[in-house]
Protein backbone atom coordinates (compact mmCIF):
# COMPACT_ATOMS: atom_id res chain seq x y z
CA MET A 1 42.02 61.56 0.31
CA GLY A 2 41.88 65.20 -0.62
CA LYS A 3 44.51 67.71 0.42
CA THR A 4 44.26 70.20 3.23
CA GLY A 5 45.99 73.54 3.64
CA ASP A 6 47.09 76.10 1.09
CA SER A 7 47.23 75.51 -2.64
CA ILE A 8 50.43 74.19 -4.18
CA PRO A 9 52.48 77.02 -5.75
CA GLU A 10 52.40 77.17 -9.54
CA GLU A 11 56.20 76.86 -9.69
CA ARG A 12 56.02 73.50 -7.94
CA ILE A 13 53.24 72.28 -10.22
CA ALA A 14 55.38 73.36 -13.18
CA ARG A 15 58.36 71.34 -11.93
CA ASN A 16 56.18 68.31 -11.31
CA LEU A 17 54.60 68.60 -14.75
CA GLU A 18 58.02 68.88 -16.36
CA ARG A 19 59.05 65.63 -14.67
CA VAL A 20 55.87 63.87 -15.81
CA ARG A 21 56.42 65.03 -19.38
CA ALA A 22 60.03 63.86 -19.25
CA ARG A 23 58.94 60.43 -18.05
CA MET A 24 56.33 60.28 -20.81
CA ALA A 25 58.98 61.15 -23.40
CA GLU A 26 61.31 58.50 -22.01
CA ALA A 27 58.63 55.81 -22.21
CA ALA A 28 57.58 56.86 -25.70
CA ALA A 29 61.17 56.75 -26.93
CA LYS A 30 61.67 53.31 -25.38
CA ALA A 31 58.65 52.05 -27.31
CA SER A 32 59.62 53.92 -30.50
CA ARG A 33 56.43 55.94 -30.33
CA ASP A 34 55.66 59.54 -31.21
CA LEU A 35 55.06 61.46 -27.99
CA SER A 36 52.49 63.65 -29.73
CA SER A 37 50.25 60.58 -30.11
CA ILE A 38 49.78 60.41 -26.31
CA THR A 39 47.37 62.71 -24.47
CA LEU A 40 48.08 63.67 -20.88
CA VAL A 41 44.86 64.12 -18.92
CA GLY A 42 45.51 66.08 -15.75
CA VAL A 43 43.39 64.51 -13.01
CA THR A 44 42.08 67.36 -10.89
CA LYS A 45 39.71 65.57 -8.49
CA TYR A 46 41.86 66.46 -5.46
CA SER A 47 43.18 69.80 -6.70
CA THR A 48 41.84 73.22 -5.78
CA ASN A 49 40.45 75.59 -8.39
CA GLU A 50 43.66 77.63 -8.08
CA GLU A 51 45.85 74.59 -8.69
CA THR A 52 43.74 73.52 -11.66
CA ALA A 53 43.92 77.01 -13.15
CA ALA A 54 47.71 76.91 -12.76
CA LEU A 55 47.84 73.61 -14.63
CA VAL A 56 45.81 75.15 -17.45
CA ARG A 57 48.21 78.08 -17.63
CA LEU A 58 50.99 75.52 -18.01
CA GLY A 59 49.33 74.18 -21.12
CA ILE A 60 47.24 71.22 -19.97
CA LEU A 61 43.78 71.58 -21.50
CA ASP A 62 42.62 67.97 -21.04
CA LEU A 63 41.33 67.59 -17.49
CA GLY A 64 39.85 64.57 -15.75
CA GLU A 65 37.28 64.39 -12.97
CA SER A 66 35.77 61.35 -11.26
CA ARG A 67 32.48 62.78 -10.04
CA VAL A 68 29.93 64.67 -12.09
CA GLN A 69 28.94 67.05 -9.30
CA ASP A 70 32.55 67.96 -8.49
CA ALA A 71 33.27 68.61 -12.16
CA ALA A 72 30.21 70.85 -12.47
CA ARG A 73 31.51 73.12 -9.72
CA LYS A 74 35.05 73.23 -11.11
CA ILE A 75 33.95 73.82 -14.70
CA ALA A 76 31.77 76.72 -13.59
CA ALA A 77 34.57 78.21 -11.49
CA LEU A 78 37.18 78.02 -14.26
CA ASN A 79 34.77 79.09 -17.02
CA ASP A 80 37.24 78.31 -19.81
CA ALA A 81 35.80 77.13 -23.12
CA ARG A 82 39.18 75.80 -24.27
CA LEU A 83 39.16 72.98 -21.75
CA ARG A 84 38.39 69.41 -22.73
CA TRP A 85 36.83 67.63 -19.77
CA HIS A 86 37.06 63.86 -19.30
CA LEU A 87 34.87 61.84 -16.95
CA ILE A 88 37.16 59.12 -15.62
CA GLY A 89 35.08 57.83 -12.70
CA HIS A 90 32.05 55.57 -12.50
CA LEU A 91 28.88 57.05 -13.98
CA GLN A 92 25.45 56.41 -12.53
CA THR A 93 22.73 56.50 -15.15
CA ASN A 94 20.83 59.23 -13.31
CA LYS A 95 23.82 61.54 -13.88
CA SER A 96 23.89 60.97 -17.66
CA LYS A 97 21.98 64.13 -18.53
CA GLN A 98 24.43 66.32 -16.67
CA ALA A 99 27.45 64.31 -17.83
CA VAL A 100 26.83 64.83 -21.54
CA LYS A 101 26.59 68.57 -20.97
CA LEU A 102 29.86 68.75 -19.06
CA PHE A 103 32.19 66.20 -20.64
CA GLY A 104 33.45 65.75 -24.17
CA THR A 105 34.84 62.28 -23.40
CA ILE A 106 33.46 59.69 -20.98
CA HIS A 107 35.98 56.96 -20.12
CA SER A 108 33.82 54.77 -17.89
CA ILE A 109 31.07 53.21 -20.00
CA ASP A 110 30.62 49.85 -18.32
CA SER A 111 27.18 48.60 -19.40
CA LYS A 112 24.71 48.72 -22.27
CA ARG A 113 22.31 50.61 -20.02
CA VAL A 114 24.84 53.38 -19.39
CA ALA A 115 25.67 53.60 -23.11
CA GLU A 116 22.00 53.82 -24.09
CA GLU A 117 21.23 56.44 -21.45
CA LEU A 118 24.19 58.57 -22.53
CA ASP A 119 23.10 58.31 -26.14
CA LYS A 120 19.55 59.36 -25.27
CA GLU A 121 20.70 62.36 -23.27
CA ALA A 122 23.37 63.35 -25.80
CA THR A 123 20.77 63.33 -28.57
CA LYS A 124 18.50 65.58 -26.52
CA ALA A 125 21.40 67.92 -25.69
CA MET A 126 22.41 68.31 -29.31
CA GLN A 127 18.85 69.10 -30.29
CA VAL A 128 18.91 72.11 -27.98
CA GLY A 129 22.54 73.04 -28.65
CA SER A 130 25.34 70.94 -27.21
CA PRO A 131 28.40 72.75 -25.87
CA HIS A 132 30.51 70.19 -27.74
CA ASN A 133 28.67 70.59 -31.07
CA ASN A 134 29.46 66.97 -31.66
CA THR A 135 28.67 63.45 -30.55
CA VAL A 136 29.97 62.48 -27.13
CA ARG A 137 33.16 60.44 -27.27
CA GLY A 138 33.10 57.33 -25.12
CA LEU A 139 35.44 54.58 -24.01
CA ILE A 140 34.32 51.19 -22.79
CA GLU A 141 35.74 50.34 -19.40
CA ILE A 142 37.20 46.85 -18.98
CA ASN A 143 37.94 45.35 -15.55
CA VAL A 144 40.93 43.44 -16.85
CA ALA A 145 42.19 42.25 -13.47
CA GLY A 146 38.71 41.24 -12.30
CA GLU A 147 38.92 43.33 -9.13
CA GLU A 148 35.74 43.18 -7.05
CA ASN A 149 35.96 46.85 -6.10
CA LYS A 150 36.34 48.06 -9.69
CA PHE A 151 33.73 48.65 -12.38
CA GLY A 152 33.95 47.57 -16.01
CA LEU A 153 33.08 44.75 -18.36
CA PRO A 154 34.80 41.41 -17.80
CA PRO A 155 37.89 40.91 -19.97
CA LYS A 156 36.13 38.63 -22.44
CA SER A 157 36.23 39.38 -26.14
CA GLU A 158 32.70 38.08 -26.74
CA THR A 159 31.29 40.43 -24.07
CA LEU A 160 33.06 43.41 -25.62
CA ILE A 161 31.87 42.44 -29.10
CA GLU A 162 28.25 42.35 -27.93
CA MET A 163 28.68 45.73 -26.26
CA LEU A 164 30.11 47.22 -29.44
CA LYS A 165 27.23 45.83 -31.49
CA THR A 166 24.81 47.64 -29.20
CA CYS A 167 26.81 50.86 -29.29
CA GLY A 168 27.07 50.69 -33.07
CA GLU A 169 23.32 51.27 -33.28
CA LEU A 170 23.43 54.42 -31.17
CA ARG A 171 23.15 57.87 -32.68
CA SER A 172 24.99 60.33 -30.48
CA LEU A 173 27.54 58.32 -28.53
CA ARG A 174 30.71 57.48 -30.46
CA ILE A 175 32.91 54.79 -28.98
CA VAL A 176 36.58 55.56 -29.65
CA GLY A 177 38.39 52.95 -27.57
CA LEU A 178 38.86 51.17 -24.25
CA MET A 179 39.78 52.20 -20.71
CA GLY A 180 41.21 50.14 -17.90
CA MET A 181 43.13 50.27 -14.62
CA ALA A 182 45.72 47.96 -13.16
CA PRO A 183 45.71 47.05 -9.46
CA TYR A 184 47.82 49.41 -7.40
CA ALA A 185 51.36 48.19 -6.82
CA GLU A 186 54.56 49.82 -5.59
CA ASN A 187 56.34 48.01 -8.41
CA PRO A 188 54.00 48.24 -11.43
CA GLU A 189 56.16 46.21 -13.79
CA PRO A 190 54.90 42.68 -12.96
CA ILE A 191 51.36 43.81 -12.10
CA SER A 192 50.43 46.55 -14.58
CA ARG A 193 52.18 45.33 -17.73
CA PRO A 194 50.09 42.17 -18.29
CA VAL A 195 46.90 44.15 -17.60
CA PHE A 196 47.83 46.75 -20.21
CA GLN A 197 48.92 44.09 -22.67
CA ARG A 198 45.54 42.36 -22.34
CA LEU A 199 43.63 45.62 -22.79
CA HIS A 200 45.63 46.41 -25.92
CA ALA A 201 44.97 42.89 -27.23
CA MET A 202 41.23 43.36 -26.65
CA LEU A 203 41.31 46.58 -28.66
CA ASP A 204 42.99 44.73 -31.52
CA GLU A 205 40.50 41.87 -31.28
CA ALA A 206 37.59 44.30 -31.42
CA ASN A 207 38.98 45.95 -34.53
CA VAL A 208 39.55 42.58 -36.21
CA ALA A 209 35.95 41.61 -35.43
CA ASN A 210 34.87 44.78 -37.27
CA VAL A 211 31.46 45.02 -35.58
CA TYR A 212 31.63 48.74 -34.81
CA PRO A 213 31.24 51.33 -37.60
CA GLN A 214 34.56 53.05 -36.84
CA ARG A 215 37.97 51.71 -35.93
CA LEU A 216 38.76 51.99 -32.22
CA THR A 217 41.96 53.95 -31.69
CA GLU A 218 42.12 55.11 -28.06
CA LEU A 219 43.57 53.24 -25.08
CA SER A 220 43.08 55.09 -21.81
CA MET A 221 45.34 53.36 -19.31
CA GLY A 222 48.03 54.31 -16.87
CA MET A 223 48.01 56.59 -13.83
CA THR A 224 50.71 58.14 -11.64
CA GLN A 225 52.18 54.82 -10.51
CA ASP A 226 52.29 53.11 -13.90
CA PHE A 227 51.81 55.54 -16.80
CA GLN A 228 55.27 54.81 -18.21
CA VAL A 229 54.49 51.10 -18.45
CA ALA A 230 51.13 52.01 -20.03
CA ILE A 231 52.81 54.13 -22.69
CA GLU A 232 55.23 51.29 -23.48
CA GLU A 233 52.18 49.04 -23.97
CA GLY A 234 50.32 51.40 -26.29
CA ALA A 235 48.37 53.89 -24.15
CA THR A 236 47.12 56.87 -26.14
CA ILE A 237 45.70 58.58 -23.01
CA VAL A 238 47.29 58.61 -19.55
CA ARG A 239 45.49 59.96 -16.49
CA VAL A 240 47.89 61.60 -14.05
CA GLY A 241 47.04 63.55 -10.91
CA SER A 242 49.18 62.78 -7.86
CA ALA A 243 52.50 63.18 -9.69
CA ILE A 244 51.45 66.70 -10.75
CA PHE A 245 49.82 67.88 -7.52
CA GLU A 246 52.29 66.61 -4.92
C-alpha cells in the first residue's frame, strides 16, 4: 500500500539510507566482496516526488519503479538527466514503446515476446534519438520459487538457454543478467538464500553454455527484507524501498 500524510523529512530518509548502506557494507565484507560492485536501486513506487528528490540529493541516482505510467509522471516531475531509471515491475508488451524511452534498464523480461517487442521499440527510438544513446539494458526474470502470483521464466536452464539464443539475435536490447525475487518471509535466511543460490547458479550455467554474445554479469536480487542475504549470494543490484522510506 502507498503512504498517506506528509512526506518523510529528508533527515529521516538520510538516517534510513545510512543504515541500509551500513547493512550492505556488512554483507559485502562477510562475503569478501567489494561494496562498489553492488548497485543500490532506490525503489520509489510508494514515495512522493519530494521524498524521491531528497533521495537523489543524498546521492542515489539509480531509481526503480514498478509501473510505466507512474514512472512517467515521476520522471517528468523530477526532470533530472542524471538519473538512471530501472523498471522492476512486470511489463505488458503494449507499454514497451514508452518503457524504452523512460528506462535505461528493464529488470522484468519474462518472455520472448516481451524481449522482441522491446527490441523493436528500442530500435525505433534510437533511430529518432534515444535519451539513453545506447541499447536498452535488460535482465531476464526467473521465477525461481515457482510462485503462482509471480512472473518470470521457470528455473530451468534449458528454458533460459533458449531465451538467450533468441535475445542474442536482437539488435537493440542487450541482456546483462538475471533478476529474481524470493518469497516474503520474516526470517529470510532459510527461504531467500536457496532462491538466490539457484539464481546465481543459473547465471553461471548460462555463461558456461556461451550462447549469448556477451558474458552475463548482473544479478538483480534482494529487497528490504533480504538484501543482505542477496549480497552474500552474489547480488550486483539490490532493490530497496521500504527500508529507506519508513
